[in-house]
Amino acid sequence: MGFKDHFSSVASSYARFRPNYPQAMFRYLATTVTSRERAWDCATGTGQAALGLAAHFHHVVATDGSRLQIVNALPHGRIDYAVTLAESNGIRSSSMDLIVVAQAIHWFDLDRFYPEVHRILKPGGTLAVWCYGLLRIDDETNAVVDRFYREVVGPYWPEERKWVESAYASLPFPFQRLKPPSFFMESRWDLSGLLGYLNTWSAVRRFREEKKRDPVELIIHDLNRAWGSQTLFKAVRWPLHLLVGKPDECTGSGS
């Protein structure tokens, strides 16, 4: 399976409009390991998770298959960025205390990635993967966004989106599972922030490429009406769905 690059073309917007993960989640993840020397943020995108890890680990390796994502990543003195694939990465064996994959493992070849997790984690190390689905704002705005997601760009979502829609409940995860607390992301946006975020969706990009028009135009009237004043800021929330585990010799390494 080759690298599925859904986000290079929107890398700068991804860095600007994708939400940040809660610090409480990284504090929790730091408690699941016996050492906080090194962490790997695999498929880092523009570095949102890597920055959270850098507050708790001495050294963070952040990799992505997209060069443009890495070019747009947020710099930090404890983070080393590199362009490499999740399944073929060149990272030294038994070198990482924590591996995280944020909103990305559904793109991976799990039969190749999970053996890499076993190889790279130190004894006692942890793998954490998470995803988030549709944002929630208010009933009227949610209705417009939901219709846009399902009816307008719904046919343009890649097949792997099914894992996110199931909140990773059906994702193969052959590790000794921990029970993490519940976490959510939260931002405050005006309407331009919401529009910027919608334009980072892979399905929006595919619609635009195939139809030669902007699908957001099909909902902008309803979205303006639902939002009210374009300069009004609203709270935006995404529930996070987190799988956390440790390697188990008795479980398989594939999917």
Protein backbone atom coordinates (compact mmCIF):
# COMPACT_ATOMS: atom_id res chain seq x y z
CA MET A 1 0.00 0.00 0.00
CA GLY A 2 1.45 3.36 -1.01
CA PHE A 3 1.29 6.62 0.90
CA LYS A 4 -2.18 8.17 0.63
CA ASP A 5 -1.55 11.90 0.53
CA HIS A 6 -4.85 13.66 1.21
CA PHE A 7 -3.50 16.82 2.83
CA SER A 8 -0.36 18.20 1.15
CA SER A 9 -2.44 20.55 -1.00
CA VAL A 10 -3.98 22.12 2.12
CA ALA A 11 -0.93 21.97 4.40
CA SER A 12 -0.81 25.70 5.18
CA SER A 13 -4.55 25.76 5.95
CA TYR A 14 -4.15 22.59 8.00
CA ALA A 15 -1.60 24.35 10.20
CA ARG A 16 -3.85 27.38 10.61
CA PHE A 17 -7.31 25.87 11.06
CA ARG A 18 -6.96 22.39 12.55
CA PRO A 19 -7.76 22.43 16.28
CA ASN A 20 -5.23 21.84 19.06
CA TYR A 21 -5.40 18.85 21.37
CA PRO A 22 -5.99 19.36 25.10
CA GLN A 23 -2.95 19.50 27.36
CA ALA A 24 -4.77 17.26 29.85
CA MET A 25 -4.55 14.40 27.34
CA PHE A 26 -0.77 14.72 27.03
CA ARG A 27 -0.41 14.89 30.81
CA TYR A 28 -2.37 11.64 31.01
CA LEU A 29 -0.29 9.94 28.29
CA ALA A 30 2.90 10.89 30.12
CA THR A 31 1.66 8.94 33.15
CA THR A 32 1.34 5.72 31.13
CA VAL A 33 5.10 5.33 30.57
CA THR A 34 8.01 4.65 32.90
CA SER A 35 10.39 7.04 31.15
CA ARG A 36 9.80 10.35 29.39
CA GLU A 37 12.93 10.49 27.27
CA ARG A 38 11.59 10.03 23.73
CA ALA A 39 8.22 10.09 21.97
CA TRP A 40 7.30 9.57 18.33
CA ASP A 41 4.41 11.51 16.78
CA CYS A 42 3.72 9.43 13.69
CA ALA A 43 1.87 11.19 10.84
CA THR A 44 2.35 14.49 12.65
CA GLY A 45 0.75 16.65 9.95
CA THR A 46 1.80 20.16 10.93
CA GLY A 47 2.81 19.20 14.44
CA GLN A 48 -0.22 19.77 16.68
CA ALA A 49 0.33 16.59 18.70
CA ALA A 50 4.12 16.93 18.64
CA LEU A 51 3.86 20.28 20.40
CA GLY A 52 1.72 18.74 23.13
CA LEU A 53 4.23 15.93 23.63
CA ALA A 54 7.16 18.36 23.80
CA ALA A 55 5.85 19.68 27.13
CA HIS A 56 6.32 16.24 28.70
CA PHE A 57 9.11 14.45 26.80
CA HIS A 58 12.74 15.44 26.45
CA HIS A 59 12.87 14.62 22.72
CA VAL A 60 10.04 14.24 20.20
CA VAL A 61 10.46 12.75 16.73
CA ALA A 62 7.64 13.94 14.47
CA THR A 63 7.29 12.35 11.05
CA ASP A 64 4.92 12.59 8.12
CA GLY A 65 4.85 11.22 4.60
CA SER A 66 4.03 14.67 3.23
CA ARG A 67 6.94 17.06 2.74
CA LEU A 68 4.58 20.03 2.56
CA GLN A 69 3.04 19.15 5.90
CA ILE A 70 6.50 19.08 7.48
CA VAL A 71 7.45 22.38 5.82
CA ASN A 72 4.40 23.95 7.48
CA ALA A 73 4.98 22.29 10.86
CA LEU A 74 5.37 24.39 13.99
CA PRO A 75 9.03 24.51 15.16
CA HIS A 76 10.09 23.65 18.70
CA GLY A 77 13.48 23.06 20.29
CA ARG A 78 12.57 19.54 21.46
CA ILE A 79 11.01 18.38 18.19
CA ASP A 80 12.88 16.88 15.24
CA TYR A 81 10.73 16.73 12.12
CA ALA A 82 11.34 14.30 9.26
CA VAL A 83 9.59 13.14 6.09
CA THR A 84 9.10 9.39 6.29
CA LEU A 85 6.35 6.78 6.17
CA ALA A 86 4.74 5.23 9.22
CA GLU A 87 5.44 1.70 8.02
CA SER A 88 9.03 2.30 6.88
CA ASN A 89 10.61 4.95 9.07
CA GLY A 90 14.23 4.19 9.97
CA ILE A 91 13.65 4.75 13.69
CA ARG A 92 15.96 2.77 15.98
CA SER A 93 14.54 -0.31 17.69
CA SER A 94 13.52 -0.06 21.36
CA SER A 95 14.04 3.70 21.30
CA MET A 96 10.63 5.25 22.08
CA ASP A 97 8.73 5.48 25.35
CA LEU A 98 5.51 6.62 23.67
CA ILE A 99 4.15 6.44 20.12
CA VAL A 100 1.11 8.50 19.18
CA VAL A 101 -0.94 8.69 16.00
CA ALA A 102 -3.40 11.57 15.90
CA GLN A 103 -6.32 11.38 13.46
CA ALA A 104 -4.27 9.32 11.01
CA ILE A 105 -3.94 5.60 11.79
CA HIS A 106 -6.94 4.84 9.57
CA TRP A 107 -4.71 5.68 6.58
CA PHE A 108 -2.02 3.16 7.58
CA ASP A 109 -1.25 -0.37 6.46
CA LEU A 110 -1.79 -1.86 9.92
CA ASP A 111 -0.19 -5.20 9.04
CA ARG A 112 3.07 -3.31 8.47
CA PHE A 113 2.68 -0.57 11.08
CA TYR A 114 1.90 -2.63 14.16
CA PRO A 115 5.11 -4.72 13.91
CA GLU A 116 6.97 -1.39 13.75
CA VAL A 117 5.27 -0.34 16.98
CA HIS A 118 6.49 -3.53 18.67
CA ARG A 119 9.98 -3.00 17.29
CA ILE A 120 10.32 0.67 18.22
CA LEU A 121 8.71 0.85 21.67
CA LYS A 122 10.88 0.40 24.73
CA PRO A 123 9.78 -2.19 27.31
CA GLY A 124 6.89 -0.61 29.17
CA GLY A 125 6.19 1.76 26.29
CA THR A 126 2.75 2.86 25.16
CA LEU A 127 0.91 3.32 21.88
CA ALA A 128 -1.90 5.90 21.79
CA VAL A 129 -4.08 6.59 18.76
CA TRP A 130 -7.06 8.87 18.54
CA CYS A 131 -9.57 10.42 16.21
CA TYR A 132 -12.33 13.01 16.28
CA GLY A 133 -15.47 13.24 14.24
CA LEU A 134 -17.83 16.09 13.46
CA LEU A 135 -17.51 19.32 15.37
CA ARG A 136 -20.39 20.50 17.54
CA ILE A 137 -21.37 24.17 17.84
CA ASP A 138 -25.12 24.74 18.20
CA ASP A 139 -28.19 22.94 16.89
CA GLU A 140 -28.75 25.14 13.83
CA THR A 141 -25.10 25.22 12.74
CA ASN A 142 -24.69 21.51 13.45
CA ALA A 143 -27.60 20.73 11.13
CA VAL A 144 -25.96 22.60 8.24
CA VAL A 145 -22.55 21.04 8.84
CA ASP A 146 -24.04 17.54 9.16
CA ARG A 147 -25.91 17.92 5.87
CA PHE A 148 -22.74 19.19 4.19
CA TYR A 149 -20.77 16.23 5.57
CA ARG A 150 -23.24 13.55 4.53
CA GLU A 151 -25.11 14.85 1.49
CA VAL A 152 -22.83 17.35 -0.24
CA VAL A 153 -19.33 15.89 0.18
CA GLY A 154 -20.37 12.50 1.58
CA PRO A 155 -19.61 10.54 -1.61
CA TYR A 156 -16.12 12.07 -1.73
CA TRP A 157 -14.84 10.77 1.60
CA PRO A 158 -12.14 8.10 1.22
CA GLU A 159 -13.15 4.60 2.28
CA GLU A 160 -10.95 4.78 5.36
CA ARG A 161 -13.23 7.45 6.84
CA LYS A 162 -15.42 4.60 8.08
CA TRP A 163 -12.96 4.03 10.95
CA VAL A 164 -13.42 7.61 12.15
CA GLU A 165 -17.19 7.38 11.83
CA SER A 166 -17.09 4.35 14.14
CA ALA A 167 -15.00 6.38 16.64
CA TYR A 168 -12.29 3.70 16.16
CA ALA A 169 -14.56 1.21 17.90
CA SER A 170 -13.99 -1.33 15.13
CA LEU A 171 -10.35 -0.47 14.41
CA PRO A 172 -8.03 -3.46 14.91
CA PHE A 173 -5.92 -2.67 17.99
CA PRO A 174 -4.00 -5.76 19.17
CA PHE A 175 -2.56 -4.32 22.38
CA GLN A 176 -3.22 -4.58 26.10
CA ARG A 177 -5.74 -1.79 26.44
CA LEU A 178 -5.71 0.88 29.09
CA LYS A 179 -8.81 2.86 30.06
CA PRO A 180 -8.14 6.53 29.35
CA PRO A 181 -10.33 9.35 30.65
CA SER A 182 -12.61 11.22 28.25
CA PHE A 183 -11.13 14.22 26.47
CA PHE A 184 -12.38 16.80 24.00
CA MET A 185 -10.94 19.63 21.95
CA GLU A 186 -12.40 23.09 22.11
CA SER A 187 -11.86 26.32 20.16
CA ARG A 188 -13.60 29.63 19.65
CA TRP A 189 -14.17 30.61 16.03
CA ASP A 190 -15.88 33.23 13.99
CA LEU A 191 -17.46 32.08 10.73
CA SER A 192 -14.19 32.46 8.80
CA GLY A 193 -12.57 29.97 11.17
CA LEU A 194 -15.28 27.41 10.48
CA LEU A 195 -14.99 27.93 6.72
CA GLY A 196 -11.21 27.56 6.89
CA TYR A 197 -11.58 24.30 8.79
CA LEU A 198 -14.14 22.87 6.36
CA ASN A 199 -11.74 23.54 3.52
CA THR A 200 -9.14 21.24 5.12
CA TRP A 201 -11.44 18.22 4.73
CA SER A 202 -10.13 15.66 2.25
CA ALA A 203 -13.65 15.20 0.84
CA VAL A 204 -13.91 18.94 0.09
CA ARG A 205 -10.65 18.78 -1.84
CA ARG A 206 -11.80 15.76 -3.84
CA PHE A 207 -15.17 17.38 -4.61
CA ARG A 208 -13.40 20.52 -5.82
CA GLU A 209 -11.02 18.54 -8.01
CA GLU A 210 -13.76 16.46 -9.64
CA LYS A 211 -16.56 19.02 -9.88
CA LYS A 212 -14.37 22.08 -10.54
CA ARG A 213 -16.34 24.10 -8.02
CA ASP A 214 -16.29 24.86 -4.31
CA PRO A 215 -18.79 22.70 -2.39
CA VAL A 216 -18.86 25.21 0.47
CA GLU A 217 -20.72 27.56 -1.87
CA LEU A 218 -23.65 25.13 -1.73
CA ILE A 219 -24.18 25.71 1.99
CA ILE A 220 -22.86 29.23 2.53
CA HIS A 221 -26.32 30.84 2.57
CA ASP A 222 -27.64 28.39 5.17
CA LEU A 223 -24.42 28.64 7.14
CA ASN A 224 -24.58 32.45 7.24
CA ARG A 225 -28.15 32.28 8.47
CA ALA A 226 -27.35 29.69 11.13
CA TRP A 227 -24.30 31.57 12.37
CA GLY A 228 -25.76 35.06 12.56
CA SER A 229 -23.16 37.83 12.52
CA GLN A 230 -20.01 36.74 10.68
CA THR A 231 -17.89 38.36 13.40
CA LEU A 232 -19.62 36.45 16.20
CA PHE A 233 -17.33 33.98 17.96
CA LYS A 234 -18.77 30.64 19.04
CA ALA A 235 -17.48 27.72 21.08
CA VAL A 236 -16.58 24.70 18.93
CA ARG A 237 -16.11 21.25 20.44
CA TRP A 238 -14.93 17.85 19.19
CA PRO A 239 -15.11 14.69 21.34
CA LEU A 240 -11.87 12.71 21.14
CA HIS A 241 -11.90 8.91 20.77
CA LEU A 242 -8.72 7.49 22.27
CA LEU A 243 -7.22 3.99 22.16
CA VAL A 244 -4.25 3.41 24.47
CA GLY A 245 -2.36 0.16 24.86
CA LYS A 246 0.87 -1.69 25.46
CA PRO A 247 2.42 -4.52 23.43
CA ASP A 248 1.32 -8.00 24.45
CA GLU A 249 3.31 -11.06 23.41
CA CYS A 250 0.08 -13.04 23.33
CA THR A 251 -1.65 -10.84 20.76
CA GLY A 252 -0.94 -10.70 17.07
CA SER A 253 0.83 -7.76 15.53
CA GLY A 254 -1.33 -7.46 12.43
CA SER A 255 -4.92 -6.46 11.78
